[in-house]
Amino acid sequence: MEETGLSDSEIAFINKHKHENASQLILKAAQFKRLDIKKLAAQIISRQKAAKKLPDWYANEKLIFPPALSVEQCSSEATARFKASLISGETLLDITGGMGVDCFYMSRNFKAAHYFEMQENVAATAEYNFRQLGAETITVHAANSLAALKAENIPADWIYADPARRNEQREKVVLLSDCTPDIVSNQEILFENTPNILLKTSPLLDIDLASRELKNLKEVYTIGYEQECKELLFVLDKNHKSEGFTIKVRILDDQGAAFKSLDFDRETERNARVTYSAPIHYLYEPHAAVLKAGAFRTICERYAVSKLAVNSQLYTSESLAANFPGRSFKITAICKPDMREISKHIGGDKANLTTRNFPAKTEELRKKWKLKEGGEHYLFATTLSDNAKVVIVTTKATI
């Protein structure tokens, strides 16, 4: 593969201008002779995208970054570190390559790792970056991973795959079998090389639909980071013969450690006892990863909370529920969805607003009520079990 890298003068330019508007730099390109300003501007844009998401990589001034869209779509360091905590062994095969963030962190738990990427320029950049990062155990292959596995058995403890969620027409796909590479059709080939597969997908994928496509599905992780569900992880175990699988919600901190967790299965969810109540003293908003997992009934039993209504996905309790997997609030008032009433309880026209099972969108209500965003109050416009439309005024609960 062709050698890649940045010259000292290019690194110096990027460091000097890394906080500037890259588009403005391109307009001034004539001022910077002997430098490819478009190339360097692209690096600056990508680095700006990576500053928070990939702090370790951002700190290494020698690394080459892919286009900004690829940085937006790649795993964050937090989620990559978490995935690395799940797997270990002698050999890892990463069959979907890409930027290589996941492969880099996971490789630390293996004696050897093989990275496969069909695009030669992407593979060359990854190989260069791995060297700069000191990842000496990773072997880069600019090749079709499935073709390589069909041609020659490569024994591994784990295979990792992050298939592309777009087809040849660049349209988003819904079925796992429509992703590239097609893990569903090639699962037997993968299991000939490994007993364990870790599959990453978009959080938009339907878990139950995917579970019907996959064999030997042991676990599904819904990964929460900050306020979003970032990704789904499917763990396939060749020796797992049961049709059932465990769903594991993990909410991560910046280092990729789970500080809130919830494990359950579909049978547990179906059988969980649910109680309903008007808002009492505390209000709970489940994390997006909990909602994606579908633990709507399970959290009632686990945390001794009641639902406000069947479709609201907001919960309440008399006493504060410890370690609730989401945000916890102290209720200060319940009022009609009228700004004159609301303003009495928030002392002005500033508050954070969320709508759940309410016949108006958040932005519509903000505009109607002339409500500014921010402040210490959190408003929840929702529908109660008796169909009453209310606004619940809260502040963040303290333990």
Protein backbone atom coordinates (compact mmCIF):
# COMPACT_ATOMS: atom_id res chain seq x y z
CA MET A 1 0.00 0.00 0.00
CA GLU A 2 1.15 3.51 -0.78
CA GLU A 3 2.80 5.39 2.08
CA THR A 4 0.75 8.21 3.49
CA GLY A 5 1.31 10.90 6.08
CA LEU A 6 1.67 14.61 6.79
CA SER A 7 4.81 16.68 6.37
CA ASP A 8 6.16 18.82 9.21
CA SER A 9 4.96 21.98 7.46
CA GLU A 10 1.47 20.50 7.00
CA ILE A 11 1.28 19.51 10.68
CA ALA A 12 2.42 22.99 11.69
CA PHE A 13 -0.27 24.58 9.49
CA ILE A 14 -3.03 22.36 10.93
CA ASN A 15 -1.93 23.12 14.51
CA LYS A 16 -1.83 26.84 13.85
CA HIS A 17 -5.27 26.99 12.22
CA LYS A 18 -7.12 24.06 13.89
CA HIS A 19 -9.68 26.33 15.57
CA GLU A 20 -10.38 28.47 12.50
CA ASN A 21 -13.10 28.35 9.86
CA ALA A 22 -11.73 25.98 7.19
CA SER A 23 -13.84 27.55 4.42
CA GLN A 24 -12.16 30.91 5.07
CA LEU A 25 -8.74 29.26 4.83
CA ILE A 26 -9.61 27.87 1.39
CA LEU A 27 -10.54 31.38 0.21
CA LYS A 28 -7.06 32.52 1.31
CA ALA A 29 -5.29 29.60 -0.37
CA ALA A 30 -3.14 31.90 -2.54
CA GLN A 31 -1.42 33.18 0.61
CA PHE A 32 -0.09 29.74 1.47
CA LYS A 33 2.29 28.72 -1.27
CA ARG A 34 3.47 25.10 -1.63
CA LEU A 35 0.65 23.80 0.56
CA ASP A 36 -2.48 21.93 -0.56
CA ILE A 37 -4.94 24.06 1.41
CA LYS A 38 -8.02 22.05 0.38
CA LYS A 39 -6.41 18.91 1.77
CA LEU A 40 -5.40 20.64 4.99
CA ALA A 41 -8.77 22.35 5.38
CA ALA A 42 -10.43 18.94 5.14
CA GLN A 43 -8.11 17.69 7.89
CA ILE A 44 -8.99 20.70 10.06
CA ILE A 45 -12.74 20.13 9.59
CA SER A 46 -12.40 16.45 10.48
CA ARG A 47 -10.24 17.20 13.50
CA GLN A 48 -12.78 19.73 14.74
CA LYS A 49 -15.44 16.99 14.50
CA ALA A 50 -13.14 14.59 16.36
CA ALA A 51 -12.07 16.91 19.21
CA LYS A 52 -14.78 15.73 21.63
CA LYS A 53 -15.59 12.38 20.07
CA LEU A 54 -12.03 11.08 19.70
CA PRO A 55 -9.89 13.07 22.17
CA ASP A 56 -6.93 10.63 22.12
CA TRP A 57 -6.81 10.61 18.33
CA TYR A 58 -7.30 14.37 18.15
CA ALA A 59 -4.33 14.85 20.48
CA ASN A 60 -2.03 12.96 18.11
CA GLU A 61 -0.97 15.58 15.55
CA LYS A 62 0.45 13.02 13.11
CA LEU A 63 -2.78 11.16 12.45
CA ILE A 64 -4.61 11.40 9.13
CA PHE A 65 -8.37 11.86 9.46
CA PRO A 66 -10.95 10.73 6.89
CA PRO A 67 -13.65 13.11 5.55
CA ALA A 68 -15.80 14.76 8.23
CA LEU A 69 -18.82 12.53 7.46
CA SER A 70 -16.75 9.43 8.22
CA VAL A 71 -15.69 10.96 11.54
CA GLU A 72 -19.34 11.67 12.37
CA GLN A 73 -20.30 8.07 11.60
CA CYS A 74 -17.41 6.29 13.31
CA SER A 75 -17.52 5.02 16.89
CA SER A 76 -16.62 7.41 19.67
CA GLU A 77 -13.72 6.53 21.94
CA ALA A 78 -16.20 5.89 24.75
CA THR A 79 -18.22 3.32 22.80
CA ALA A 80 -15.06 1.77 21.33
CA ARG A 81 -13.56 1.34 24.80
CA PHE A 82 -16.78 -0.30 25.96
CA LYS A 83 -16.76 -2.78 23.08
CA ALA A 84 -13.14 -3.57 23.92
CA SER A 85 -14.23 -4.46 27.46
CA LEU A 86 -16.55 -7.17 26.10
CA ILE A 87 -14.06 -9.26 24.14
CA SER A 88 -10.56 -10.72 24.45
CA GLY A 89 -8.44 -13.65 23.29
CA GLU A 90 -5.62 -14.63 20.97
CA THR A 91 -6.89 -13.34 17.62
CA LEU A 92 -9.42 -10.71 16.48
CA LEU A 93 -10.73 -10.26 12.95
CA ASP A 94 -12.26 -6.87 12.09
CA ILE A 95 -13.95 -7.61 8.78
CA THR A 96 -15.32 -4.13 8.02
CA GLY A 97 -12.26 -1.91 8.64
CA GLY A 98 -13.13 1.72 8.07
CA MET A 99 -11.42 4.36 10.17
CA GLY A 100 -10.26 1.66 12.59
CA VAL A 101 -11.26 3.24 15.92
CA ASP A 102 -13.00 0.09 17.19
CA CYS A 103 -10.23 -2.18 15.92
CA PHE A 104 -7.56 -0.08 17.64
CA TYR A 105 -9.16 -0.27 21.09
CA MET A 106 -10.29 -3.89 20.80
CA SER A 107 -6.86 -5.04 19.58
CA ARG A 108 -5.40 -4.21 22.98
CA ASN A 109 -7.11 -7.30 24.39
CA PHE A 110 -5.69 -9.67 21.75
CA LYS A 111 -2.24 -10.96 20.86
CA ALA A 112 -3.00 -10.37 17.17
CA ALA A 113 -5.66 -8.47 15.20
CA HIS A 114 -6.44 -8.50 11.49
CA TYR A 115 -8.11 -5.46 9.94
CA PHE A 116 -9.83 -5.90 6.54
CA GLU A 117 -10.86 -2.99 4.30
CA MET A 118 -11.64 -3.16 0.57
CA GLN A 119 -10.78 0.49 -0.22
CA GLU A 120 -7.00 0.65 -0.55
CA ASN A 121 -6.69 4.33 0.40
CA VAL A 122 -8.78 3.79 3.55
CA ALA A 123 -6.71 0.74 4.48
CA ALA A 124 -3.46 2.65 3.86
CA THR A 125 -4.57 5.50 6.11
CA ALA A 126 -5.61 3.08 8.85
CA GLU A 127 -2.26 1.28 8.66
CA TYR A 128 -0.40 4.58 8.92
CA ASN A 129 -2.52 5.71 11.88
CA PHE A 130 -2.10 2.39 13.68
CA ARG A 131 1.67 2.80 13.45
CA GLN A 132 1.50 6.33 14.85
CA LEU A 133 -0.63 5.02 17.72
CA GLY A 134 1.77 2.18 18.46
CA ALA A 135 -0.73 -0.56 17.57
CA GLU A 136 1.88 -3.05 16.44
CA THR A 137 -0.33 -6.14 16.78
CA ILE A 138 -2.73 -5.07 14.00
CA THR A 139 -2.15 -6.47 10.50
CA VAL A 140 -3.90 -4.49 7.76
CA HIS A 141 -5.39 -6.25 4.71
CA ALA A 142 -6.61 -4.21 1.74
CA ALA A 143 -8.97 -6.99 0.72
CA ASN A 144 -12.51 -8.33 0.75
CA SER A 145 -12.77 -10.00 4.14
CA LEU A 146 -15.47 -12.52 3.22
CA ALA A 147 -13.55 -13.60 0.12
CA ALA A 148 -10.45 -14.04 2.25
CA LEU A 149 -12.33 -16.11 4.83
CA LYS A 150 -13.85 -18.30 2.11
CA ALA A 151 -10.48 -18.86 0.46
CA GLU A 152 -8.52 -19.59 3.61
CA ASN A 153 -9.64 -20.40 7.13
CA ILE A 154 -8.33 -17.78 9.58
CA PRO A 155 -8.99 -19.05 13.14
CA ALA A 156 -10.02 -16.29 15.52
CA ASP A 157 -11.51 -15.93 18.98
CA TRP A 158 -13.75 -13.08 17.84
CA ILE A 159 -14.94 -11.54 14.58
CA TYR A 160 -16.11 -7.92 14.69
CA ALA A 161 -18.33 -6.39 12.01
CA ASP A 162 -19.87 -2.97 11.50
CA PRO A 163 -21.73 -3.39 8.18
CA ALA A 164 -22.63 -0.37 6.08
CA ARG A 165 -26.29 0.63 6.44
CA ARG A 166 -26.68 1.85 2.86
CA ASN A 167 -27.15 -0.04 -0.39
CA GLU A 168 -25.40 0.57 -3.72
CA GLN A 169 -27.82 3.45 -4.42
CA ARG A 170 -26.69 5.08 -1.11
CA GLU A 171 -30.19 4.57 0.31
CA LYS A 172 -30.63 3.62 3.97
CA VAL A 173 -31.70 0.03 4.50
CA VAL A 174 -33.96 -1.46 7.18
CA LEU A 175 -33.09 -5.16 7.18
CA LEU A 176 -29.79 -6.43 8.55
CA SER A 177 -29.55 -8.73 5.52
CA ASP A 178 -29.55 -5.66 3.25
CA CYS A 179 -26.43 -4.21 4.92
CA THR A 180 -22.93 -4.63 3.44
CA PRO A 181 -21.42 -7.11 4.03
CA ASP A 182 -24.45 -9.36 4.48
CA ILE A 183 -23.74 -10.94 7.87
CA VAL A 184 -27.01 -12.89 7.84
CA SER A 185 -26.25 -14.89 4.67
CA ASN A 186 -22.60 -15.39 5.62
CA GLN A 187 -23.01 -16.32 9.27
CA GLU A 188 -22.03 -19.96 8.67
CA ILE A 189 -18.80 -18.89 6.95
CA LEU A 190 -17.98 -16.60 9.86
CA PHE A 191 -18.66 -19.37 12.38
CA GLU A 192 -16.22 -21.61 10.49
CA ASN A 193 -13.52 -19.13 11.53
CA THR A 194 -14.69 -18.14 15.02
CA PRO A 195 -17.08 -19.18 17.80
CA ASN A 196 -17.93 -15.55 18.64
CA ILE A 197 -19.20 -12.60 16.59
CA LEU A 198 -19.70 -9.03 17.78
CA LEU A 199 -21.96 -7.11 15.41
CA LYS A 200 -22.48 -3.34 15.62
CA THR A 201 -25.50 -1.69 14.01
CA SER A 202 -27.29 1.63 13.91
CA PRO A 203 -29.66 2.30 16.84
CA LEU A 204 -32.42 2.65 14.24
CA LEU A 205 -32.37 -1.09 13.51
CA ASP A 206 -35.37 -3.03 14.85
CA ILE A 207 -34.01 -5.40 17.54
CA ASP A 208 -36.73 -8.03 17.24
CA LEU A 209 -36.62 -8.00 13.44
CA ALA A 210 -32.83 -8.47 13.53
CA SER A 211 -33.15 -11.24 16.13
CA ARG A 212 -35.30 -13.23 13.71
CA GLU A 213 -32.64 -12.91 11.01
CA LEU A 214 -29.67 -13.94 13.17
CA LYS A 215 -28.76 -17.38 14.47
CA ASN A 216 -27.13 -18.11 17.84
CA LEU A 217 -28.02 -14.67 19.21
CA LYS A 218 -26.97 -14.54 22.86
CA GLU A 219 -27.06 -10.86 23.85
CA VAL A 220 -28.13 -7.48 22.51
CA TYR A 221 -26.65 -4.31 23.98
CA THR A 222 -28.31 -0.92 23.61
CA ILE A 223 -25.52 1.59 24.18
CA GLY A 224 -26.35 4.97 25.68
CA TYR A 225 -23.87 7.83 25.74
CA GLU A 226 -24.78 11.31 26.90
CA GLN A 227 -28.49 11.62 26.03
CA GLU A 228 -28.58 9.35 22.96
CA CYS A 229 -28.74 5.68 22.12
CA LYS A 230 -25.56 5.50 20.03
CA GLU A 231 -25.50 1.94 18.75
CA LEU A 232 -26.72 -1.63 19.08
CA LEU A 233 -24.39 -4.57 19.66
CA PHE A 234 -25.40 -8.13 18.83
CA VAL A 235 -23.34 -10.92 20.41
CA LEU A 236 -23.50 -14.19 18.48
CA ASP A 237 -22.21 -17.36 20.17
CA LYS A 238 -21.83 -20.52 18.08
CA ASN A 239 -22.58 -22.63 21.14
CA HIS A 240 -25.70 -20.68 22.15
CA LYS A 241 -28.61 -22.88 21.06
CA SER A 242 -31.48 -21.17 22.89
CA GLU A 243 -33.88 -18.99 20.91
CA GLY A 244 -33.96 -16.46 23.73
CA PHE A 245 -31.48 -13.62 24.18
CA THR A 246 -30.66 -11.16 26.93
CA ILE A 247 -31.06 -7.43 26.35
CA LYS A 248 -28.46 -5.32 28.15
CA VAL A 249 -28.81 -1.57 28.49
CA ARG A 250 -25.50 0.16 29.18
CA ILE A 251 -25.20 3.91 29.76
CA LEU A 252 -21.57 4.98 29.43
CA ASP A 253 -19.33 7.68 30.86
CA ASP A 254 -16.59 9.43 28.86
CA GLN A 255 -14.16 6.57 29.48
CA GLY A 256 -16.55 3.95 28.13
CA ALA A 257 -17.44 2.49 31.54
CA ALA A 258 -21.09 1.66 32.21
CA PHE A 259 -22.36 3.66 35.18
CA LYS A 260 -25.97 2.54 34.75
CA SER A 261 -27.11 -0.90 33.59
CA LEU A 262 -30.29 -2.87 33.07
CA ASP A 263 -30.54 -6.53 31.97
CA PHE A 264 -33.79 -8.27 31.00
CA ASP A 265 -35.37 -10.40 28.30
CA ARG A 266 -38.61 -10.27 26.34
CA GLU A 267 -40.36 -12.75 28.65
CA THR A 268 -39.40 -10.69 31.70
CA GLU A 269 -40.79 -7.60 29.98
CA ARG A 270 -44.09 -9.30 29.10
CA ASN A 271 -44.59 -10.57 32.65
CA ALA A 272 -43.47 -7.44 34.51
CA ARG A 273 -46.12 -5.93 36.77
CA VAL A 274 -47.06 -2.37 35.86
CA THR A 275 -48.84 0.16 38.05
CA TYR A 276 -50.24 3.50 36.91
CA SER A 277 -50.36 6.71 38.89
CA ALA A 278 -50.85 10.43 38.62
CA PRO A 279 -47.59 12.36 39.18
CA ILE A 280 -46.52 12.07 42.82
CA HIS A 281 -43.23 13.46 44.19
CA TYR A 282 -40.65 12.35 41.61
CA LEU A 283 -40.70 12.09 37.82
CA TYR A 284 -38.45 9.88 35.69
CA GLU A 285 -37.52 10.06 32.03
CA PRO A 286 -35.87 6.82 30.82
CA HIS A 287 -32.67 7.13 28.83
CA ALA A 288 -33.03 6.71 25.05
CA ALA A 289 -31.12 3.41 25.32
CA VAL A 290 -33.77 2.08 27.74
CA LEU A 291 -36.58 3.11 25.40
CA LYS A 292 -34.79 1.49 22.45
CA ALA A 293 -34.42 -1.72 24.44
CA GLY A 294 -38.18 -1.72 25.09
CA ALA A 295 -37.95 -2.05 28.89
CA PHE A 296 -41.18 -0.11 29.41
CA ARG A 297 -42.70 -2.54 31.95
CA THR A 298 -39.49 -3.94 33.43
CA ILE A 299 -38.36 -0.63 34.90
CA CYS A 300 -41.62 -0.40 36.87
CA GLU A 301 -40.73 -3.55 38.79
CA ARG A 302 -36.98 -2.97 39.02
CA TYR A 303 -37.16 0.57 40.35
CA ALA A 304 -40.57 0.58 42.08
CA VAL A 305 -41.99 3.33 39.87
CA SER A 306 -45.39 3.78 38.23
CA LYS A 307 -46.23 4.86 34.69
CA LEU A 308 -48.19 8.04 34.11
CA ALA A 309 -50.04 6.47 31.18
CA VAL A 310 -49.74 3.54 28.78
CA ASN A 311 -48.06 5.55 26.01
CA SER A 312 -46.33 8.38 27.87
CA GLN A 313 -43.14 6.50 28.92
CA LEU A 314 -42.78 8.79 31.91
CA TYR A 315 -42.71 7.38 35.43
CA THR A 316 -43.33 8.58 38.98
CA SER A 317 -42.81 7.52 42.59
CA GLU A 318 -43.24 8.64 46.19
CA SER A 319 -39.58 8.09 47.14
CA LEU A 320 -36.56 8.75 44.94
CA ALA A 321 -35.56 5.62 42.97
CA ALA A 322 -31.82 5.03 43.22
CA ASN A 323 -29.78 4.46 40.03
CA PHE A 324 -32.73 4.93 37.70
CA PRO A 325 -31.43 4.50 34.11
CA GLY A 326 -32.35 7.95 32.92
CA ARG A 327 -33.04 11.39 34.33
CA SER A 328 -34.71 11.92 37.72
CA PHE A 329 -36.68 15.05 38.67
CA LYS A 330 -38.42 16.51 41.72
CA ILE A 331 -41.97 17.58 40.89
CA THR A 332 -42.75 21.12 42.02
CA ALA A 333 -46.12 21.67 40.32
CA ILE A 334 -48.69 20.20 37.93
CA CYS A 335 -50.65 22.69 35.86
CA LYS A 336 -52.68 23.20 32.71
CA PRO A 337 -50.77 23.64 29.43
CA ASP A 338 -51.13 27.39 29.65
CA MET A 339 -48.17 29.78 29.86
CA ARG A 340 -49.90 32.05 32.37
CA GLU A 341 -50.15 29.10 34.74
CA ILE A 342 -46.67 27.79 33.96
CA SER A 343 -44.97 31.16 34.50
CA LYS A 344 -46.26 31.28 38.08
CA HIS A 345 -44.19 28.19 38.85
CA ILE A 346 -41.02 28.93 36.90
CA GLY A 347 -40.75 32.61 37.78
CA GLY A 348 -40.39 33.90 34.24
CA ASP A 349 -40.28 32.70 30.63
CA LYS A 350 -37.27 30.36 30.65
CA ALA A 351 -37.32 26.56 31.07
CA ASN A 352 -36.33 23.27 29.47
CA LEU A 353 -39.26 21.62 27.70
CA THR A 354 -40.03 18.02 26.70
CA THR A 355 -43.22 16.64 25.15
CA ARG A 356 -44.29 13.01 25.64
CA ASN A 357 -47.60 11.67 24.32
CA PHE A 358 -48.85 15.21 23.85
CA PRO A 359 -50.78 16.64 20.84
CA ALA A 360 -48.15 19.27 20.00
CA LYS A 361 -44.42 19.24 19.30
CA THR A 362 -41.85 20.84 21.56
CA GLU A 363 -40.97 23.63 19.14
CA GLU A 364 -44.64 24.42 18.53
CA LEU A 365 -45.21 24.90 22.26
CA ARG A 366 -42.05 26.98 22.67
CA LYS A 367 -43.21 29.32 19.94
CA LYS A 368 -46.79 29.45 21.24
CA TRP A 369 -45.70 30.10 24.83
CA LYS A 370 -42.74 32.32 23.88
CA LEU A 371 -40.66 30.12 26.12
CA LYS A 372 -36.88 30.54 26.17
CA GLU A 373 -34.70 27.46 26.54
CA GLY A 374 -32.56 26.78 29.61
CA GLY A 375 -32.73 27.46 33.33
CA GLU A 376 -33.23 25.18 36.31
CA HIS A 377 -36.82 24.17 35.57
CA TYR A 378 -37.76 21.19 33.39
CA LEU A 379 -41.28 21.07 31.94
CA PHE A 380 -42.93 17.87 30.71
CA ALA A 381 -46.04 18.32 28.58
CA THR A 382 -47.82 14.96 28.62
CA THR A 383 -51.12 13.08 28.82
CA LEU A 384 -52.15 11.27 32.02
CA SER A 385 -54.02 7.97 32.23
CA ASP A 386 -57.35 9.83 32.48
CA ASN A 387 -56.48 11.63 29.21
CA ALA A 388 -55.87 14.92 31.00
CA LYS A 389 -53.32 17.14 29.24
CA VAL A 390 -50.91 18.62 31.78
CA VAL A 391 -47.53 20.26 32.20
CA ILE A 392 -45.42 18.81 35.00
CA VAL A 393 -43.01 21.38 36.42
CA THR A 394 -39.81 19.88 37.85
CA THR A 395 -36.25 20.51 38.89
CA LYS A 396 -33.42 17.98 38.80
CA ALA A 397 -33.54 15.56 41.72
CA THR A 398 -30.58 15.41 44.05
CA ILE A 399 -29.61 12.24 45.87
